[in-house]
């Protein structure tokens, strides 16, 4: 069941990426204009998120995402190993 859900989520991700690529090329407008591109990312090694970005705003956004992901992973680890018990939780 869990493996099937994981594979389904991977396929949904690929479909979303393909649709976004197709829709981005279908936008009308003959003129091209310069656009400012910025980006950032998070690499999580163990419990430590490493954050990078092209500007402070993107680095801050990536840091927030990294912190949230770290907390989620920590909670999942604690719940699955029995350190946190959820009353009436999954059996």
PDB file of N, CA and C in Angstrom:
ATOM      1  N   UNK A   1       0.821  -1.194   0.000  1.00  0.00           N
ATOM      2  CA  UNK A   1       0.000   0.000   0.000  1.00  0.00           C
ATOM      3  C   UNK A   1       0.870   1.266   0.000  1.00  0.00           C
ATOM      4  N   UNK A   2       1.854   1.315   0.905  1.00  0.00           N
ATOM      5  CA  UNK A   2       2.711   2.496   0.991  1.00  0.00           C
ATOM      6  C   UNK A   2       3.559   2.632  -0.268  1.00  0.00           C
ATOM      7  N   UNK A   3       4.072   1.505  -0.773  1.00  0.00           N
ATOM      8  CA  UNK A   3       4.873   1.535  -1.996  1.00  0.00           C
ATOM      9  C   UNK A   3       4.043   2.025  -3.174  1.00  0.00           C
ATOM     10  N   UNK A   4       2.803   1.563  -3.250  1.00  0.00           N
ATOM     11  CA  UNK A   4       1.909   2.000  -4.325  1.00  0.00           C
ATOM     12  C   UNK A   4       1.643   3.493  -4.238  1.00  0.00           C
ATOM     13  N   UNK A   5       1.435   4.002  -3.024  1.00  0.00           N
ATOM     14  CA  UNK A   5       1.206   5.430  -2.845  1.00  0.00           C
ATOM     15  C   UNK A   5       2.443   6.230  -3.256  1.00  0.00           C
ATOM     16  N   UNK A   6       3.627   5.748  -2.908  1.00  0.00           N
ATOM     17  CA  UNK A   6       4.858   6.434  -3.290  1.00  0.00           C
ATOM     18  C   UNK A   6       5.041   6.495  -4.793  1.00  0.00           C
ATOM     19  N   UNK A   7       4.796   5.385  -5.455  1.00  0.00           N
ATOM     20  CA  UNK A   7       4.918   5.354  -6.919  1.00  0.00           C
ATOM     21  C   UNK A   7       3.886   6.266  -7.561  1.00  0.00           C
ATOM     22  N   UNK A   8       2.674   6.282  -7.018  1.00  0.00           N
ATOM     23  CA  UNK A   8       1.629   7.170  -7.526  1.00  0.00           C
ATOM     24  C   UNK A   8       2.044   8.630  -7.379  1.00  0.00           C
ATOM     25  N   UNK A   9       2.624   9.004  -6.246  1.00  0.00           N
ATOM     26  CA  UNK A   9       3.059  10.382  -6.043  1.00  0.00           C
ATOM     27  C   UNK A   9       4.185  10.767  -7.002  1.00  0.00           C
ATOM     28  N   UNK A  10       5.064   9.831  -7.312  1.00  0.00           N
ATOM     29  CA  UNK A  10       6.125  10.108  -8.282  1.00  0.00           C
ATOM     30  C   UNK A  10       5.528  10.381  -9.654  1.00  0.00           C
ATOM     31  N   UNK A  11       4.574   9.564 -10.080  1.00  0.00           N
ATOM     32  CA  UNK A  11       3.929   9.783 -11.376  1.00  0.00           C
ATOM     33  C   UNK A  11       3.146  11.095 -11.407  1.00  0.00           C
ATOM     34  N   UNK A  12       2.468  11.425 -10.327  1.00  0.00           N
ATOM     35  CA  UNK A  12       1.743  12.698 -10.261  1.00  0.00           C
ATOM     36  C   UNK A  12       2.727  13.865 -10.372  1.00  0.00           C
ATOM     37  N   UNK A  13       3.884  13.748  -9.735  1.00  0.00           N
ATOM     38  CA  UNK A  13       4.909  14.789  -9.848  1.00  0.00           C
ATOM     39  C   UNK A  13       5.395  14.970 -11.273  1.00  0.00           C
ATOM     40  N   UNK A  14       5.651  13.858 -11.964  1.00  0.00           N
ATOM     41  CA  UNK A  14       6.067  13.944 -13.366  1.00  0.00           C
ATOM     42  C   UNK A  14       4.986  14.582 -14.230  1.00  0.00           C
ATOM     43  N   UNK A  15       3.743  14.228 -13.991  1.00  0.00           N
ATOM     44  CA  UNK A  15       2.642  14.803 -14.779  1.00  0.00           C
ATOM     45  C   UNK A  15       2.536  16.298 -14.541  1.00  0.00           C
ATOM     46  N   UNK A  16       2.671  16.735 -13.284  1.00  0.00           N
ATOM     47  CA  UNK A  16       2.610  18.169 -12.981  1.00  0.00           C
ATOM     48  C   UNK A  16       3.749  18.912 -13.673  1.00  0.00           C
ATOM     49  N   UNK A  17       4.941  18.344 -13.660  1.00  0.00           N
ATOM     50  CA  UNK A  17       6.078  18.986 -14.324  1.00  0.00           C
ATOM     51  C   UNK A  17       5.838  19.085 -15.824  1.00  0.00           C
ATOM     52  N   UNK A  18       5.362  18.014 -16.435  1.00  0.00           N
ATOM     53  CA  UNK A  18       5.112  18.034 -17.882  1.00  0.00           C
ATOM     54  C   UNK A  18       4.024  19.050 -18.236  1.00  0.00           C
ATOM     55  N   UNK A  19       2.956  19.087 -17.450  1.00  0.00           N
ATOM     56  CA  UNK A  19       1.894  20.062 -17.717  1.00  0.00           C
ATOM     57  C   UNK A  19       2.391  21.490 -17.563  1.00  0.00           C
ATOM     58  N   UNK A  20       3.221  21.744 -16.575  1.00  0.00           N
ATOM     59  CA  UNK A  20       3.730  23.105 -16.396  1.00  0.00           C
ATOM     60  C   UNK A  20       4.631  23.512 -17.562  1.00  0.00           C
ATOM     61  N   UNK A  21       5.417  22.561 -18.069  1.00  0.00           N
ATOM     62  CA  UNK A  21       6.253  22.878 -19.235  1.00  0.00           C
ATOM     63  C   UNK A  21       5.402  23.179 -20.464  1.00  0.00           C
ATOM     64  N   UNK A  22       4.377  22.379 -20.673  1.00  0.00           N
ATOM     65  CA  UNK A  22       3.500  22.589 -21.834  1.00  0.00           C
ATOM     66  C   UNK A  22       2.754  23.908 -21.710  1.00  0.00           C
ATOM     67  N   UNK A  23       2.197  24.182 -20.532  1.00  0.00           N
ATOM     68  CA  UNK A  23       1.427  25.408 -20.348  1.00  0.00           C
ATOM     69  C   UNK A  23       2.298  26.656 -20.401  1.00  0.00           C
ATOM     70  N   UNK A  24       3.554  26.569 -20.001  1.00  0.00           N
ATOM     71  CA  UNK A  24       4.418  27.742 -20.053  1.00  0.00           C
ATOM     72  C   UNK A  24       4.748  28.142 -21.492  1.00  0.00           C
ATOM     73  N   UNK A  25       4.721  27.192 -22.411  1.00  0.00           N
ATOM     74  CA  UNK A  25       4.988  27.510 -23.810  1.00  0.00           C
ATOM     75  C   UNK A  25       3.733  27.914 -24.562  1.00  0.00           C
ATOM     76  N   UNK A  26       2.573  27.790 -23.961  1.00  0.00           N
ATOM     77  CA  UNK A  26       1.326  28.143 -24.620  1.00  0.00           C
ATOM     78  C   UNK A  26       0.873  29.563 -24.318  1.00  0.00           C
ATOM     79  N   UNK A  27       1.639  30.294 -23.497  1.00  0.00           N
ATOM     80  CA  UNK A  27       1.247  31.658 -23.139  1.00  0.00           C
ATOM     81  C   UNK A  27       1.295  32.556 -24.371  1.00  0.00           C
ATOM     82  N   UNK A  28       0.255  33.357 -24.568  1.00  0.00           N
ATOM     83  CA  UNK A  28       0.289  34.281 -25.706  1.00  0.00           C
ATOM     84  C   UNK A  28       1.193  35.470 -25.409  1.00  0.00           C
ATOM     85  N   UNK A  29       1.617  36.121 -26.442  1.00  0.00           N
ATOM     86  CA  UNK A  29       2.434  37.313 -26.277  1.00  0.00           C
ATOM     87  C   UNK A  29       3.628  37.267 -27.209  1.00  0.00           C
ATOM     88  N   UNK A  30       3.640  38.165 -28.205  1.00  0.00           N
ATOM     89  CA  UNK A  30       4.727  38.126 -29.174  1.00  0.00           C
ATOM     90  C   UNK A  30       6.037  38.679 -28.624  1.00  0.00           C
ATOM     91  N   UNK A  31       5.962  39.605 -27.671  1.00  0.00           N
ATOM     92  CA  UNK A  31       7.198  40.221 -27.221  1.00  0.00           C
ATOM     93  C   UNK A  31       7.831  39.421 -26.094  1.00  0.00           C
ATOM     94  N   UNK A  32       9.120  39.465 -26.082  1.00  0.00           N
ATOM     95  CA  UNK A  32       9.877  38.837 -24.999  1.00  0.00           C
ATOM     96  C   UNK A  32      10.391  39.963 -24.119  1.00  0.00           C
ATOM     97  N   UNK A  33      10.336  39.770 -22.833  1.00  0.00           N
ATOM     98  CA  UNK A  33      10.876  40.777 -21.948  1.00  0.00           C
ATOM     99  C   UNK A  33      11.854  40.113 -20.994  1.00  0.00           C
ATOM    100  N   UNK A  34      12.716  40.912 -20.459  1.00  0.00           N
ATOM    101  CA  UNK A  34      13.704  40.404 -19.515  1.00  0.00           C
ATOM    102  C   UNK A  34      13.013  40.090 -18.193  1.00  0.00           C
ATOM    103  N   UNK A  35      13.345  38.964 -17.650  1.00  0.00           N
ATOM    104  CA  UNK A  35      12.774  38.565 -16.373  1.00  0.00           C
ATOM    105  C   UNK A  35      13.901  38.295 -15.389  1.00  0.00           C
ATOM    106  N   UNK A  36      13.668  38.711 -14.163  1.00  0.00           N
ATOM    107  CA  UNK A  36      14.656  38.431 -13.125  1.00  0.00           C
ATOM    108  C   UNK A  36      14.368  37.044 -12.568  1.00  0.00           C
ATOM    109  N   UNK A  37      15.353  36.200 -12.611  1.00  0.00           N
ATOM    110  CA  UNK A  37      15.196  34.829 -12.135  1.00  0.00           C
ATOM    111  C   UNK A  37      15.946  34.689 -10.819  1.00  0.00           C
ATOM    112  N   UNK A  38      15.262  34.116  -9.848  1.00  0.00           N
ATOM    113  CA  UNK A  38      15.922  33.850  -8.579  1.00  0.00           C
ATOM    114  C   UNK A  38      15.519  32.457  -8.124  1.00  0.00           C
ATOM    115  N   UNK A  39      16.365  31.869  -7.322  1.00  0.00           N
ATOM    116  CA  UNK A  39      16.071  30.521  -6.867  1.00  0.00           C
ATOM    117  C   UNK A  39      16.831  30.201  -5.594  1.00  0.00           C
ATOM    118  N   UNK A  40      16.470  29.096  -5.032  1.00  0.00           N
ATOM    119  CA  UNK A  40      17.131  28.656  -3.810  1.00  0.00           C
ATOM    120  C   UNK A  40      16.863  27.184  -3.616  1.00  0.00           C
ATOM    121  N   UNK A  41      17.534  26.621  -2.651  1.00  0.00           N
ATOM    122  CA  UNK A  41      17.328  25.206  -2.413  1.00  0.00           C
ATOM    123  C   UNK A  41      17.799  24.792  -1.037  1.00  0.00           C
ATOM    124  N   UNK A  42      17.475  23.558  -0.718  1.00  0.00           N
ATOM    125  CA  UNK A  42      17.853  22.982   0.563  1.00  0.00           C
ATOM    126  C   UNK A  42      18.401  21.586   0.307  1.00  0.00           C
ATOM    127  N   UNK A  43      19.537  21.298   0.896  1.00  0.00           N
ATOM    128  CA  UNK A  43      20.088  19.952   0.891  1.00  0.00           C
ATOM    129  C   UNK A  43      20.085  19.491   2.338  1.00  0.00           C
ATOM    130  N   UNK A  44      19.374  18.400   2.606  1.00  0.00           N
ATOM    131  CA  UNK A  44      19.292  17.917   3.975  1.00  0.00           C
ATOM    132  C   UNK A  44      20.237  16.728   4.126  1.00  0.00           C
ATOM    133  N   UNK A  45      21.261  16.913   4.944  1.00  0.00           N
ATOM    134  CA  UNK A  45      22.215  15.847   5.237  1.00  0.00           C
ATOM    135  C   UNK A  45      22.025  15.478   6.700  1.00  0.00           C
ATOM    136  N   UNK A  46      21.431  14.298   6.900  1.00  0.00           N
ATOM    137  CA  UNK A  46      21.088  13.906   8.267  1.00  0.00           C
ATOM    138  C   UNK A  46      20.028  14.853   8.786  1.00  0.00           C
ATOM    139  N   UNK A  47      20.214  15.379   9.974  1.00  0.00           N
ATOM    140  CA  UNK A  47      19.225  16.323  10.501  1.00  0.00           C
ATOM    141  C   UNK A  47      19.548  17.776  10.179  1.00  0.00           C
ATOM    142  N   UNK A  48      20.598  18.020   9.398  1.00  0.00           N
ATOM    143  CA  UNK A  48      21.067  19.381   9.171  1.00  0.00           C
ATOM    144  C   UNK A  48      20.688  19.859   7.765  1.00  0.00           C
ATOM    145  N   UNK A  49      19.848  20.900   7.672  1.00  0.00           N
ATOM    146  CA  UNK A  49      19.552  21.459   6.348  1.00  0.00           C
ATOM    147  C   UNK A  49      20.632  22.462   5.935  1.00  0.00           C
ATOM    148  N   UNK A  50      21.120  22.332   4.712  1.00  0.00           N
ATOM    149  CA  UNK A  50      22.072  23.285   4.144  1.00  0.00           C
ATOM    150  C   UNK A  50      21.306  24.117   3.124  1.00  0.00           C
ATOM    151  N   UNK A  51      21.288  25.428   3.332  1.00  0.00           N
ATOM    152  CA  UNK A  51      20.437  26.327   2.556  1.00  0.00           C
ATOM    153  C   UNK A  51      21.292  27.170   1.619  1.00  0.00           C
ATOM    154  N   UNK A  52      20.802  27.366   0.392  1.00  0.00           N
ATOM    155  CA  UNK A  52      21.465  28.265  -0.542  1.00  0.00           C
ATOM    156  C   UNK A  52      20.419  29.002  -1.353  1.00  0.00           C
ATOM    157  N   UNK A  53      20.782  30.170  -1.861  1.00  0.00           N
ATOM    158  CA  UNK A  53      19.849  30.952  -2.662  1.00  0.00           C
ATOM    159  C   UNK A  53      20.574  32.033  -3.428  1.00  0.00           C
ATOM    160  N   UNK A  54      19.905  32.559  -4.453  1.00  0.00           N
ATOM    161  CA  UNK A  54      20.508  33.608  -5.265  1.00  0.00           C
ATOM    162  C   UNK A  54      20.397  34.973  -4.602  1.00  0.00           C
ATOM    163  N   UNK A  55      19.449  35.135  -3.711  1.00  0.00           N
ATOM    164  CA  UNK A  55      19.331  36.376  -2.951  1.00  0.00           C
ATOM    165  C   UNK A  55      18.811  36.049  -1.551  1.00  0.00           C
ATOM    166  N   UNK A  56      18.729  37.067  -0.706  1.00  0.00           N
ATOM    167  CA  UNK A  56      18.340  36.831   0.692  1.00  0.00           C
ATOM    168  C   UNK A  56      16.913  36.302   0.803  1.00  0.00           C
ATOM    169  N   UNK A  57      16.030  36.781  -0.048  1.00  0.00           N
ATOM    170  CA  UNK A  57      14.628  36.352   0.003  1.00  0.00           C
ATOM    171  C   UNK A  57      14.490  34.864  -0.304  1.00  0.00           C
ATOM    172  N   UNK A  58      15.186  34.401  -1.321  1.00  0.00           N
ATOM    173  CA  UNK A  58      15.126  32.983  -1.680  1.00  0.00           C
ATOM    174  C   UNK A  58      15.807  32.115  -0.631  1.00  0.00           C
ATOM    175  N   UNK A  59      16.909  32.593  -0.077  1.00  0.00           N
ATOM    176  CA  UNK A  59      17.592  31.831   0.968  1.00  0.00           C
ATOM    177  C   UNK A  59      16.706  31.708   2.203  1.00  0.00           C
ATOM    178  N   UNK A  60      15.984  32.777   2.536  1.00  0.00           N
ATOM    179  CA  UNK A  60      15.068  32.724   3.680  1.00  0.00           C
ATOM    180  C   UNK A  60      13.920  31.760   3.417  1.00  0.00           C
ATOM    181  N   UNK A  61      13.380  31.792   2.217  1.00  0.00           N
ATOM    182  CA  UNK A  61      12.298  30.863   1.866  1.00  0.00           C
ATOM    183  C   UNK A  61      12.792  29.418   1.918  1.00  0.00           C
ATOM    184  N   UNK A  62      13.990  29.182   1.412  1.00  0.00           N
ATOM    185  CA  UNK A  62      14.555  27.833   1.452  1.00  0.00           C
ATOM    186  C   UNK A  62      14.833  27.405   2.890  1.00  0.00           C
ATOM    187  N   UNK A  63      15.248  28.343   3.743  1.00  0.00           N
ATOM    188  CA  UNK A  63      15.498  28.021   5.146  1.00  0.00           C
ATOM    189  C   UNK A  63      14.203  27.624   5.851  1.00  0.00           C
ATOM    190  N   UNK A  64      13.125  28.314   5.543  1.00  0.00           N
ATOM    191  CA  UNK A  64      11.825  27.965   6.139  1.00  0.00           C
ATOM    192  C   UNK A  64      11.400  26.577   5.678  1.00  0.00           C
ATOM    193  N   UNK A  65      11.536  26.304   4.387  1.00  0.00           N
ATOM    194  CA  UNK A  65      11.195  24.976   3.866  1.00  0.00           C
ATOM    195  C   UNK A  65      12.074  23.908   4.507  1.00  0.00           C
ATOM    196  N   UNK A  66      13.356  24.182   4.645  1.00  0.00           N
ATOM    197  CA  UNK A  66      14.263  23.232   5.278  1.00  0.00           C
ATOM    198  C   UNK A  66      13.907  22.961   6.718  1.00  0.00           C
ATOM    199  N   UNK A  67      13.539  24.010   7.459  1.00  0.00           N
ATOM    200  CA  UNK A  67      13.150  23.833   8.857  1.00  0.00           C
ATOM    201  C   UNK A  67      11.875  23.007   8.975  1.00  0.00           C
ATOM    202  N   UNK A  68      10.899  23.293   8.121  1.00  0.00           N
ATOM    203  CA  UNK A  68       9.647  22.537   8.145  1.00  0.00           C
ATOM    204  C   UNK A  68       9.891  21.072   7.798  1.00  0.00           C
ATOM    205  N   UNK A  69      10.691  20.827   6.767  1.00  0.00           N
ATOM    206  CA  UNK A  69      10.996  19.445   6.390  1.00  0.00           C
ATOM    207  C   UNK A  69      11.753  18.704   7.492  1.00  0.00           C
ATOM    208  N   UNK A  70      12.677  19.389   8.145  1.00  0.00           N
ATOM    209  CA  UNK A  70      13.416  18.767   9.235  1.00  0.00           C
ATOM    210  C   UNK A  70      12.486  18.395  10.385  1.00  0.00           C
ATOM    211  N   UNK A  71      11.561  19.274  10.719  1.00  0.00           N
ATOM    212  CA  UNK A  71      10.597  18.988  11.792  1.00  0.00           C
ATOM    213  C   UNK A  71       9.698  17.819  11.410  1.00  0.00           C
ATOM    214  N   UNK A  72       9.234  17.785  10.160  1.00  0.00           N
ATOM    215  CA  UNK A  72       8.372  16.687   9.717  1.00  0.00           C
ATOM    216  C   UNK A  72       9.120  15.362   9.781  1.00  0.00           C
ATOM    217  N   UNK A  73      10.361  15.337   9.292  1.00  0.00           N
ATOM    218  CA  UNK A  73      11.141  14.104   9.319  1.00  0.00           C
ATOM    219  C   UNK A  73      11.390  13.664  10.761  1.00  0.00           C
ATOM    220  N   UNK A  74      11.691  14.601  11.641  1.00  0.00           N
ATOM    221  CA  UNK A  74      11.915  14.269  13.044  1.00  0.00           C
ATOM    222  C   UNK A  74      10.660  13.688  13.684  1.00  0.00           C
ATOM    223  N   UNK A  75       9.499  14.310  13.416  1.00  0.00           N
ATOM    224  CA  UNK A  75       8.240  13.797  13.968  1.00  0.00           C
ATOM    225  C   UNK A  75       7.912  12.403  13.435  1.00  0.00           C
ATOM    226  N   UNK A  76       8.111  12.186  12.153  1.00  0.00           N
ATOM    227  CA  UNK A  76       7.846  10.863  11.580  1.00  0.00           C
ATOM    228  C   UNK A  76       8.769   9.825  12.202  1.00  0.00           C
ATOM    229  N   UNK A  77      10.027  10.175  12.393  1.00  0.00           N
ATOM    230  CA  UNK A  77      10.966   9.258  13.029  1.00  0.00           C
ATOM    231  C   UNK A  77      10.526   8.919  14.451  1.00  0.00           C
ATOM    232  N   UNK A  78      10.158   9.934  15.217  1.00  0.00           N
ATOM    233  CA  UNK A  78       9.763   9.702  16.610  1.00  0.00           C
ATOM    234  C   UNK A  78       8.468   8.897  16.708  1.00  0.00           C
ATOM    235  N   UNK A  79       7.529   9.155  15.814  1.00  0.00           N
ATOM    236  CA  UNK A  79       6.255   8.428  15.848  1.00  0.00           C
ATOM    237  C   UNK A  79       6.440   6.980  15.417  1.00  0.00           C
ATOM    238  N   UNK A  80       7.185   6.758  14.342  1.00  0.00           N
ATOM    239  CA  UNK A  80       7.341   5.389  13.847  1.00  0.00           C
ATOM    240  C   UNK A  80       8.186   4.519  14.762  1.00  0.00           C
ATOM    241  N   UNK A  81       9.047   5.114  15.568  1.00  0.00           N
ATOM    242  CA  UNK A  81       9.864   4.336  16.490  1.00  0.00           C
ATOM    243  C   UNK A  81       9.260   4.246  17.883  1.00  0.00           C
ATOM    244  N   UNK A  82       8.068   4.768  18.068  1.00  0.00           N
ATOM    245  CA  UNK A  82       7.347   4.601  19.322  1.00  0.00           C
ATOM    246  C   UNK A  82       7.707   5.579  20.413  1.00  0.00           C
ATOM    247  N   UNK A  83       8.496   6.592  20.130  1.00  0.00           N
ATOM    248  CA  UNK A  83       8.825   7.591  21.141  1.00  0.00           C
ATOM    249  C   UNK A  83       7.654   8.529  21.408  1.00  0.00           C
ATOM    250  N   UNK A  84       6.826   8.749  20.399  1.00  0.00           N
ATOM    251  CA  UNK A  84       5.607   9.543  20.541  1.00  0.00           C
ATOM    252  C   UNK A  84       4.440   8.615  20.190  1.00  0.00           C
ATOM    253  N   UNK A  85       3.496   8.495  21.112  1.00  0.00           N
ATOM    254  CA  UNK A  85       2.344   7.635  20.893  1.00  0.00           C
ATOM    255  C   UNK A  85       1.137   8.526  20.648  1.00  0.00           C
ATOM    256  N   UNK A  86       0.441   8.254  19.547  1.00  0.00           N
ATOM    257  CA  UNK A  86      -0.762   9.003  19.208  1.00  0.00           C
ATOM    258  C   UNK A  86      -1.969   8.193  19.654  1.00  0.00           C
ATOM    259  N   UNK A  87      -2.765   8.716  20.591  1.00  0.00           N
ATOM    260  CA  UNK A  87      -3.946   7.958  21.036  1.00  0.00           C
ATOM    261  C   UNK A  87      -4.924   7.747  19.887  1.00  0.00           C
ATOM    262  N   UNK A  88      -5.328   6.522  19.687  1.00  0.00           N
ATOM    263  CA  UNK A  88      -6.252   6.203  18.601  1.00  0.00           C
ATOM    264  C   UNK A  88      -5.611   6.356  17.247  1.00  0.00           C
ATOM    265  N   UNK A  89      -4.299   6.270  17.192  1.00  0.00           N
ATOM    266  CA  UNK A  89      -3.572   6.472  15.938  1.00  0.00           C
ATOM    267  C   UNK A  89      -3.615   5.265  15.045  1.00  0.00           C
ATOM    268  N   UNK A  90      -2.742   5.249  14.072  1.00  0.00           N
ATOM    269  CA  UNK A  90      -2.676   4.185  13.077  1.00  0.00           C
ATOM    270  C   UNK A  90      -2.217   2.897  13.755  1.00  0.00           C
ATOM    271  N   UNK A  91      -2.849   1.813  13.412  1.00  0.00           N
ATOM    272  CA  UNK A  91      -2.492   0.513  14.004  1.00  0.00           C
ATOM    273  C   UNK A  91      -1.755  -0.338  13.011  1.00  0.00           C
TER     274      UNK A  91
END
